[in-house]
Amino acid sequence: MAITITMGIQKGGCGKSTTTGILAYLLSQDGYKVLAVDMDSQGNLTELLSKRPANEFVEKSVLEAMQRLDPTNYLVPIYENLDLLPANKFLATFPRWIYTGVTYLGEKIRYNGDNLSKILDETLEKVRDNYDFIVIDTPPSLSEQTTNALCASEYVVVLFECSNWCYSAIPNFMDTVEGARNVSKHGTKVIGILRTMNDVRRSDAKAFNEMIEEDYPNEVFKTIITRKALIGRLSLYGFNQNAELKQAFQANVVIFHPCRYSIDHIFT
């Protein structure tokens, strides 16, 4: 059964989609069967992996998969070992649907489960045995999409962009993970805080790196991800036939330890 990992923090611009995409890609290149799930209506992970506009997946996305509690007909093959459950702008209607039972197409599909935060988890149950890992990208907000992702996951990687607003967002997100653990059957827990988007020219970034390490000494990964143009251009060139890919990964490589399915370092 797949090990499920969510990337999250309720702030934009922290590298969630890029991190999710790189982790999914490199795990698949190591021979693991991977499903990447886009739970953000911006569809950035979808576009990064598929190299297609997110709105090409209207009526063929994670939203429809959750409404039918079955992702089978909505999986998009990306590489030999990597599939995608895509998202588009209509995922923003997910809260309206779960509370009213009315889809954005006007259909009436009522969820009859015991907890609205478990819809994604129930949906993924149909395919968990088909994958080694499921990695989930989340929106930049504490939303129903986020709580569903957390409740479907064993592990959470918290993305920390070295800034004041992201620093102030961490405690609320940690509380959200704790709430998910009380609901989820997976024992949802933070496996680490990944410091990203670090600008080495800024003294305040250095200060926030140190502050978060003092606050969460047992959770913070030792590695700090600096801003790299090569990684930034992944959204433009993608992974397939990208001449810069090897050079980019020499600076930022995921090391995943499948023994006990725990992450010791990400991007070291």
Protein backbone atom coordinates (compact mmCIF):
# COMPACT_ATOMS: atom_id res chain seq x y z
CA MET A 1 0.00 0.00 0.00
CA ALA A 2 1.28 3.45 -0.92
CA ILE A 3 2.90 5.79 1.56
CA THR A 4 1.24 9.20 1.22
CA ILE A 5 3.08 12.49 1.72
CA THR A 6 1.53 15.97 1.65
CA MET A 7 3.49 19.16 0.98
CA GLY A 8 1.86 22.08 2.76
CA ILE A 9 1.79 25.53 4.30
CA GLN A 10 -0.98 28.14 4.06
CA LYS A 11 1.12 30.64 2.11
CA GLY A 12 1.91 31.00 -1.56
CA GLY A 13 5.34 31.18 -3.11
CA CYS A 14 6.98 28.60 -0.85
CA GLY A 15 7.84 25.99 -3.47
CA LYS A 16 5.09 23.46 -2.72
CA SER A 17 4.25 22.59 -6.31
CA THR A 18 7.86 22.48 -7.46
CA THR A 19 8.90 20.37 -4.48
CA THR A 20 6.01 17.97 -5.00
CA GLY A 21 6.80 17.66 -8.69
CA ILE A 22 10.51 17.04 -8.16
CA LEU A 23 9.90 14.48 -5.42
CA ALA A 24 7.37 12.63 -7.57
CA TYR A 25 9.64 12.69 -10.61
CA LEU A 26 12.78 11.50 -8.82
CA LEU A 27 10.98 8.75 -6.93
CA SER A 28 9.58 7.51 -10.23
CA GLN A 29 13.06 7.60 -11.78
CA ASP A 30 14.28 5.44 -8.90
CA GLY A 31 11.80 2.78 -9.97
CA TYR A 32 8.97 3.49 -7.53
CA LYS A 33 5.41 3.67 -8.78
CA VAL A 34 4.20 7.18 -7.91
CA LEU A 35 0.92 9.07 -8.03
CA ALA A 36 1.06 12.87 -7.85
CA VAL A 37 -2.18 14.51 -6.69
CA ASP A 38 -2.88 18.18 -7.36
CA MET A 39 -5.21 19.62 -4.70
CA ASP A 40 -4.65 23.26 -5.71
CA SER A 41 -7.10 24.92 -8.10
CA GLN A 42 -4.21 26.91 -9.59
CA GLY A 43 -3.13 23.64 -11.22
CA ASN A 44 0.59 24.41 -11.05
CA LEU A 45 1.61 20.82 -10.34
CA THR A 46 -0.65 19.68 -13.14
CA GLU A 47 1.01 22.01 -15.62
CA LEU A 48 4.51 21.23 -14.36
CA LEU A 49 4.13 17.49 -14.86
CA SER A 50 1.81 17.32 -17.86
CA LYS A 51 3.12 20.38 -19.75
CA ARG A 52 -0.50 21.10 -20.62
CA PRO A 53 -2.80 23.93 -19.47
CA ALA A 54 -4.67 22.91 -16.32
CA ASN A 55 -8.00 23.83 -17.89
CA GLU A 56 -7.57 21.06 -20.45
CA PHE A 57 -8.52 18.77 -17.56
CA VAL A 58 -11.98 20.25 -16.97
CA GLU A 59 -14.37 17.39 -16.11
CA LYS A 60 -11.31 15.07 -15.97
CA SER A 61 -9.73 16.04 -12.66
CA VAL A 62 -9.31 15.24 -8.99
CA LEU A 63 -12.57 17.08 -8.30
CA GLU A 64 -14.63 14.63 -10.36
CA ALA A 65 -12.64 11.76 -8.86
CA MET A 66 -13.64 12.86 -5.35
CA GLN A 67 -17.25 13.42 -6.31
CA ARG A 68 -17.39 9.81 -7.50
CA LEU A 69 -15.01 8.48 -4.81
CA ASP A 70 -12.99 6.76 -7.54
CA PRO A 71 -9.91 8.19 -9.30
CA THR A 72 -9.56 5.34 -11.79
CA ASN A 73 -10.93 7.19 -14.81
CA TYR A 74 -9.09 10.43 -14.05
CA LEU A 75 -5.47 9.27 -13.81
CA VAL A 76 -3.12 10.81 -16.36
CA PRO A 77 0.03 8.83 -17.24
CA ILE A 78 3.10 11.10 -17.22
CA TYR A 79 6.06 8.70 -17.30
CA GLU A 80 6.42 4.95 -16.99
CA ASN A 81 6.22 5.03 -13.18
CA LEU A 82 4.43 8.35 -12.64
CA ASP A 83 0.73 9.16 -12.87
CA LEU A 84 -1.05 12.43 -12.16
CA LEU A 85 -4.45 13.20 -10.69
CA PRO A 86 -4.81 16.70 -12.15
CA ALA A 87 -6.55 19.86 -10.98
CA ASN A 88 -8.02 22.94 -12.61
CA LYS A 89 -9.84 26.13 -11.60
CA PHE A 90 -13.08 24.30 -10.77
CA LEU A 91 -11.44 22.61 -7.79
CA ALA A 92 -12.20 25.92 -6.06
CA THR A 93 -15.85 24.79 -6.02
CA PHE A 94 -15.00 21.77 -3.84
CA PRO A 95 -16.23 23.40 -0.59
CA ARG A 96 -19.53 24.41 -2.18
CA TRP A 97 -20.09 20.87 -3.43
CA ILE A 98 -19.35 19.12 -0.13
CA TYR A 99 -21.76 21.40 1.77
CA THR A 100 -24.57 21.56 -0.80
CA GLY A 101 -24.17 18.38 -2.85
CA VAL A 102 -24.36 20.41 -6.07
CA THR A 103 -21.43 20.25 -8.50
CA TYR A 104 -20.19 23.11 -10.66
CA LEU A 105 -22.01 21.40 -13.55
CA GLY A 106 -25.29 21.48 -11.63
CA GLU A 107 -25.35 17.76 -10.85
CA LYS A 108 -26.54 16.59 -7.46
CA ILE A 109 -23.99 14.21 -5.96
CA ARG A 110 -24.20 13.94 -2.20
CA TYR A 111 -21.28 12.67 -0.14
CA ASN A 112 -22.64 10.27 2.44
CA GLY A 113 -19.49 9.53 4.43
CA ASP A 114 -18.92 10.22 8.11
CA ASN A 115 -16.45 13.11 7.73
CA LEU A 116 -16.05 15.72 5.00
CA SER A 117 -12.29 15.77 5.59
CA LYS A 118 -11.95 12.14 4.50
CA ILE A 119 -13.27 12.42 0.95
CA LEU A 120 -9.84 12.38 -0.70
CA ASP A 121 -8.72 9.55 1.55
CA GLU A 122 -11.71 7.43 0.56
CA THR A 123 -11.09 8.27 -3.08
CA LEU A 124 -7.44 7.23 -2.97
CA GLU A 125 -8.32 3.92 -1.29
CA LYS A 126 -9.34 2.65 -4.71
CA VAL A 127 -5.75 2.91 -6.01
CA ARG A 128 -3.41 2.86 -3.00
CA ASP A 129 -2.33 -0.70 -3.71
CA ASN A 130 -1.21 0.33 -7.20
CA TYR A 131 1.50 2.73 -5.99
CA ASP A 132 4.53 2.85 -3.75
CA PHE A 133 4.11 6.56 -3.02
CA ILE A 134 1.39 9.17 -3.34
CA VAL A 135 2.54 12.81 -3.09
CA ILE A 136 0.01 15.62 -2.72
CA ASP A 137 0.31 19.32 -3.52
CA THR A 138 -1.93 21.68 -1.55
CA PRO A 139 -3.27 25.22 -1.98
CA PRO A 140 -1.84 28.27 -0.19
CA SER A 141 -4.65 28.34 2.35
CA LEU A 142 -6.15 26.39 5.23
CA SER A 143 -9.03 25.03 3.20
CA GLU A 144 -11.14 21.93 2.77
CA GLN A 145 -8.68 20.84 0.08
CA THR A 146 -5.82 21.11 2.57
CA THR A 147 -7.56 19.23 5.36
CA ASN A 148 -8.53 16.46 2.95
CA ALA A 149 -4.92 16.13 1.82
CA LEU A 150 -3.66 15.99 5.40
CA CYS A 151 -6.24 13.41 6.48
CA ALA A 152 -5.22 11.22 3.54
CA SER A 153 -1.53 11.27 4.49
CA GLU A 154 0.86 9.53 6.82
CA TYR A 155 3.48 12.26 6.49
CA VAL A 156 3.57 16.02 5.99
CA VAL A 157 6.51 18.09 4.77
CA VAL A 158 6.05 21.71 5.85
CA LEU A 159 7.45 24.21 3.37
CA PHE A 160 9.07 27.22 4.98
CA GLU A 161 9.95 30.18 2.80
CA CYS A 162 12.36 32.32 4.81
CA SER A 163 10.15 35.33 5.53
CA ASN A 164 8.09 36.85 8.33
CA TRP A 165 4.67 35.94 6.95
CA CYS A 166 5.64 32.34 6.42
CA TYR A 167 7.17 32.25 9.89
CA SER A 168 3.88 33.42 11.40
CA ALA A 169 1.98 30.80 9.36
CA ILE A 170 3.86 27.82 10.77
CA PRO A 171 2.07 27.52 14.17
CA ASN A 172 -1.39 27.57 12.56
CA PHE A 173 -0.36 24.92 10.07
CA MET A 174 1.10 22.74 12.81
CA ASP A 175 -2.24 23.00 14.64
CA THR A 176 -4.01 21.95 11.44
CA VAL A 177 -1.79 18.88 11.13
CA GLU A 178 -2.57 18.00 14.74
CA GLY A 179 -6.28 18.31 14.00
CA ALA A 180 -5.90 16.03 11.00
CA ARG A 181 -4.09 13.44 13.12
CA ASN A 182 -7.10 13.31 15.44
CA VAL A 183 -9.37 12.51 12.50
CA SER A 184 -7.22 10.50 10.11
CA LYS A 185 -6.63 6.76 10.36
CA HIS A 186 -3.10 7.28 9.07
CA GLY A 187 -1.56 8.95 12.12
CA THR A 188 -0.76 12.10 10.16
CA LYS A 189 2.47 13.67 11.37
CA VAL A 190 5.03 16.26 10.34
CA ILE A 191 8.12 14.52 9.09
CA GLY A 192 10.06 17.75 8.70
CA ILE A 193 10.16 21.46 7.92
CA LEU A 194 11.93 22.23 4.66
CA ARG A 195 13.43 25.72 4.39
CA THR A 196 13.08 26.91 0.80
CA MET A 197 13.40 29.93 -1.48
CA ASN A 198 16.33 31.19 0.60
CA ASP A 199 18.01 34.32 -0.73
CA VAL A 200 21.58 34.21 0.56
CA ARG A 201 21.93 37.96 -0.06
CA ARG A 202 19.33 38.84 2.58
CA SER A 203 20.27 39.00 6.24
CA ASP A 204 16.61 38.67 7.32
CA ALA A 205 16.40 35.30 5.54
CA LYS A 206 19.35 34.07 7.55
CA ALA A 207 17.65 35.28 10.72
CA PHE A 208 14.39 33.47 9.94
CA ASN A 209 16.30 30.28 9.11
CA GLU A 210 17.84 30.42 12.56
CA MET A 211 14.56 31.32 14.29
CA ILE A 212 12.62 28.41 12.81
CA GLU A 213 15.44 26.03 13.77
CA GLU A 214 15.33 27.31 17.35
CA ASP A 215 11.53 26.94 17.49
CA TYR A 216 11.43 23.46 15.91
CA PRO A 217 14.86 21.88 16.47
CA ASN A 218 13.58 18.33 16.02
CA GLU A 219 11.55 19.01 12.88
CA VAL A 220 13.73 21.26 10.71
CA PHE A 221 15.71 19.58 7.94
CA LYS A 222 19.37 20.59 8.03
CA THR A 223 19.33 21.39 4.34
CA ILE A 224 18.33 24.90 3.21
CA ILE A 225 17.14 25.37 -0.37
CA THR A 226 18.47 28.51 -2.00
CA ARG A 227 16.84 30.31 -4.91
CA LYS A 228 18.10 28.71 -8.13
CA ALA A 229 17.24 29.92 -11.62
CA LEU A 230 17.60 26.35 -12.90
CA ILE A 231 14.87 25.13 -10.55
CA GLY A 232 12.72 28.16 -11.31
CA ARG A 233 12.80 27.30 -15.01
CA LEU A 234 11.39 23.82 -14.40
CA SER A 235 7.91 25.30 -14.77
CA LEU A 236 8.94 26.43 -18.25
CA TYR A 237 10.90 23.43 -19.50
CA GLY A 238 9.52 20.59 -17.37
CA PHE A 239 11.37 17.31 -16.84
CA ASN A 240 11.25 15.73 -20.28
CA GLN A 241 14.12 16.65 -22.63
CA ASN A 242 15.21 19.47 -20.33
CA ALA A 243 18.88 20.15 -21.06
CA GLU A 244 19.25 21.84 -17.66
CA LEU A 245 17.76 19.03 -15.61
CA LYS A 246 20.96 17.23 -14.61
CA GLN A 247 22.64 20.47 -13.63
CA ALA A 248 19.60 21.56 -11.62
CA PHE A 249 19.48 18.30 -9.70
CA GLN A 250 23.19 18.40 -8.95
CA ALA A 251 22.36 21.39 -6.76
CA ASN A 252 19.04 20.06 -5.48
CA VAL A 253 18.68 16.29 -5.16
CA VAL A 254 16.02 14.42 -3.25
CA ILE A 255 17.43 11.66 -1.06
CA PHE A 256 14.58 9.42 0.03
CA HIS A 257 15.11 6.50 2.33
CA PRO A 258 12.53 3.77 1.59
CA CYS A 259 13.59 1.89 4.71
CA ARG A 260 10.62 2.55 7.03
CA TYR A 261 9.49 5.06 4.38
CA SER A 262 10.93 8.04 6.21
CA ILE A 263 12.60 11.10 4.74
CA ASP A 264 15.96 11.93 6.29
CA HIS A 265 16.79 14.78 3.95
CA ILE A 266 15.04 16.46 1.07
CA PHE A 267 17.04 18.49 -1.44
CA THR A 268 20.50 17.97 0.01
